[in-house]
Amino acid sequence: MDDSNDDIDKANEQRRAKLVKAGVAVGVGSAAIVAALLYASKVKKKRR
Protein backbone atom coordinates (compact mmCIF):
# COMPACT_ATOMS: atom_id res chain seq x y z
CA MET A 1 0.00 0.00 0.00
CA ASP A 2 2.93 2.31 0.52
CA ASP A 3 3.79 2.06 -3.16
CA SER A 4 0.31 3.16 -4.24
CA ASN A 5 0.41 6.07 -1.78
CA ASP A 6 3.83 7.08 -3.10
CA ASP A 7 2.48 6.99 -6.66
CA ILE A 8 -0.47 9.16 -5.64
CA ASP A 9 1.84 11.60 -3.86
CA LYS A 10 4.10 11.80 -6.92
CA ALA A 11 1.11 12.37 -9.20
CA ASN A 12 -0.20 15.11 -6.91
CA GLU A 13 3.20 16.80 -6.78
CA GLN A 14 3.51 16.69 -10.57
CA ARG A 15 0.00 18.11 -10.96
CA ARG A 16 0.77 20.86 -8.45
CA ALA A 17 4.02 21.72 -10.24
CA LYS A 18 2.18 22.00 -13.55
CA LEU A 19 -0.45 24.25 -12.00
CA VAL A 20 2.22 26.47 -10.44
CA LYS A 21 4.00 26.76 -13.80
CA ALA A 22 0.70 27.58 -15.51
CA GLY A 23 -0.06 30.23 -12.88
CA VAL A 24 3.35 31.81 -13.32
CA ALA A 25 2.91 31.81 -17.10
CA VAL A 26 -0.49 33.50 -16.79
CA GLY A 27 0.95 36.09 -14.42
CA VAL A 28 3.86 36.89 -16.71
CA GLY A 29 1.56 37.06 -19.72
CA SER A 30 -0.82 39.38 -17.91
CA ALA A 31 2.05 41.65 -16.88
CA ALA A 32 3.27 41.77 -20.48
CA ILE A 33 -0.19 42.72 -21.72
CA VAL A 34 -0.53 45.47 -19.11
CA ALA A 35 2.94 46.80 -19.98
CA ALA A 36 2.07 46.79 -23.70
CA LEU A 37 -1.20 48.65 -23.07
CA LEU A 38 0.52 51.23 -20.88
CA TYR A 39 3.24 51.72 -23.49
CA ALA A 40 0.66 52.04 -26.27
CA SER A 41 -1.34 54.64 -24.35
CA LYS A 42 1.86 56.56 -23.56
CA VAL A 43 2.88 56.64 -27.24
CA LYS A 44 -0.58 57.84 -28.28
CA LYS A 45 -0.44 60.73 -25.80
CA LYS A 46 2.92 61.94 -27.14
CA ARG A 47 1.62 62.09 -30.73
CA ARG A 48 -1.11 64.57 -29.78
C-alpha atoms as a PDB file:
ATOM      1  CA  MET A   1       0.000   0.000   0.000  1.00  0.00           C
ATOM      2  CA  ASP A   2       2.927   2.307   0.518  1.00  0.00           C
ATOM      3  CA  ASP A   3       3.794   2.062  -3.164  1.00  0.00           C
ATOM      4  CA  SER A   4       0.311   3.163  -4.244  1.00  0.00           C
ATOM      5  CA  ASN A   5       0.410   6.067  -1.781  1.00  0.00           C
ATOM      6  CA  ASP A   6       3.826   7.077  -3.100  1.00  0.00           C
ATOM      7  CA  ASP A   7       2.477   6.986  -6.655  1.00  0.00           C
ATOM      8  CA  ILE A   8      -0.471   9.157  -5.639  1.00  0.00           C
ATOM      9  CA  ASP A   9       1.842  11.600  -3.865  1.00  0.00           C
ATOM     10  CA  LYS A  10       4.101  11.805  -6.920  1.00  0.00           C
ATOM     11  CA  ALA A  11       1.110  12.369  -9.204  1.00  0.00           C
ATOM     12  CA  ASN A  12      -0.203  15.106  -6.911  1.00  0.00           C
ATOM     13  CA  GLU A  13       3.195  16.797  -6.783  1.00  0.00           C
ATOM     14  CA  GLN A  14       3.507  16.689 -10.571  1.00  0.00           C
ATOM     15  CA  ARG A  15       0.002  18.112 -10.961  1.00  0.00           C
ATOM     16  CA  ARG A  16       0.772  20.857  -8.452  1.00  0.00           C
ATOM     17  CA  ALA A  17       4.021  21.716 -10.239  1.00  0.00           C
ATOM     18  CA  LYS A  18       2.178  22.000 -13.555  1.00  0.00           C
ATOM     19  CA  LEU A  19      -0.455  24.252 -11.998  1.00  0.00           C
ATOM     20  CA  VAL A  20       2.217  26.469 -10.438  1.00  0.00           C
ATOM     21  CA  LYS A  21       3.998  26.756 -13.796  1.00  0.00           C
ATOM     22  CA  ALA A  22       0.704  27.583 -15.506  1.00  0.00           C
ATOM     23  CA  GLY A  23      -0.056  30.227 -12.881  1.00  0.00           C
ATOM     24  CA  VAL A  24       3.350  31.813 -13.321  1.00  0.00           C
ATOM     25  CA  ALA A  25       2.912  31.814 -17.099  1.00  0.00           C
ATOM     26  CA  VAL A  26      -0.493  33.501 -16.790  1.00  0.00           C
ATOM     27  CA  GLY A  27       0.952  36.094 -14.419  1.00  0.00           C
ATOM     28  CA  VAL A  28       3.863  36.892 -16.713  1.00  0.00           C
ATOM     29  CA  GLY A  29       1.561  37.060 -19.715  1.00  0.00           C
ATOM     30  CA  SER A  30      -0.817  39.381 -17.907  1.00  0.00           C
ATOM     31  CA  ALA A  31       2.048  41.648 -16.879  1.00  0.00           C
ATOM     32  CA  ALA A  32       3.275  41.768 -20.480  1.00  0.00           C
ATOM     33  CA  ILE A  33      -0.193  42.718 -21.722  1.00  0.00           C
ATOM     34  CA  VAL A  34      -0.525  45.467 -19.109  1.00  0.00           C
ATOM     35  CA  ALA A  35       2.936  46.801 -19.983  1.00  0.00           C
ATOM     36  CA  ALA A  36       2.071  46.791 -23.698  1.00  0.00           C
ATOM     37  CA  LEU A  37      -1.197  48.646 -23.073  1.00  0.00           C
ATOM     38  CA  LEU A  38       0.521  51.230 -20.878  1.00  0.00           C
ATOM     39  CA  TYR A  39       3.235  51.723 -23.492  1.00  0.00           C
ATOM     40  CA  ALA A  40       0.659  52.044 -26.274  1.00  0.00           C
ATOM     41  CA  SER A  41      -1.344  54.644 -24.355  1.00  0.00           C
ATOM     42  CA  LYS A  42       1.860  56.565 -23.562  1.00  0.00           C
ATOM     43  CA  VAL A  43       2.878  56.643 -27.235  1.00  0.00           C
ATOM     44  CA  LYS A  44      -0.581  57.837 -28.282  1.00  0.00           C
ATOM     45  CA  LYS A  45      -0.443  60.734 -25.803  1.00  0.00           C
ATOM     46  CA  LYS A  46       2.918  61.936 -27.142  1.00  0.00           C
ATOM     47  CA  ARG A  47       1.620  62.094 -30.733  1.00  0.00           C
ATOM     48  CA  ARG A  48      -1.106  64.566 -29.782  1.00  0.00           C
END
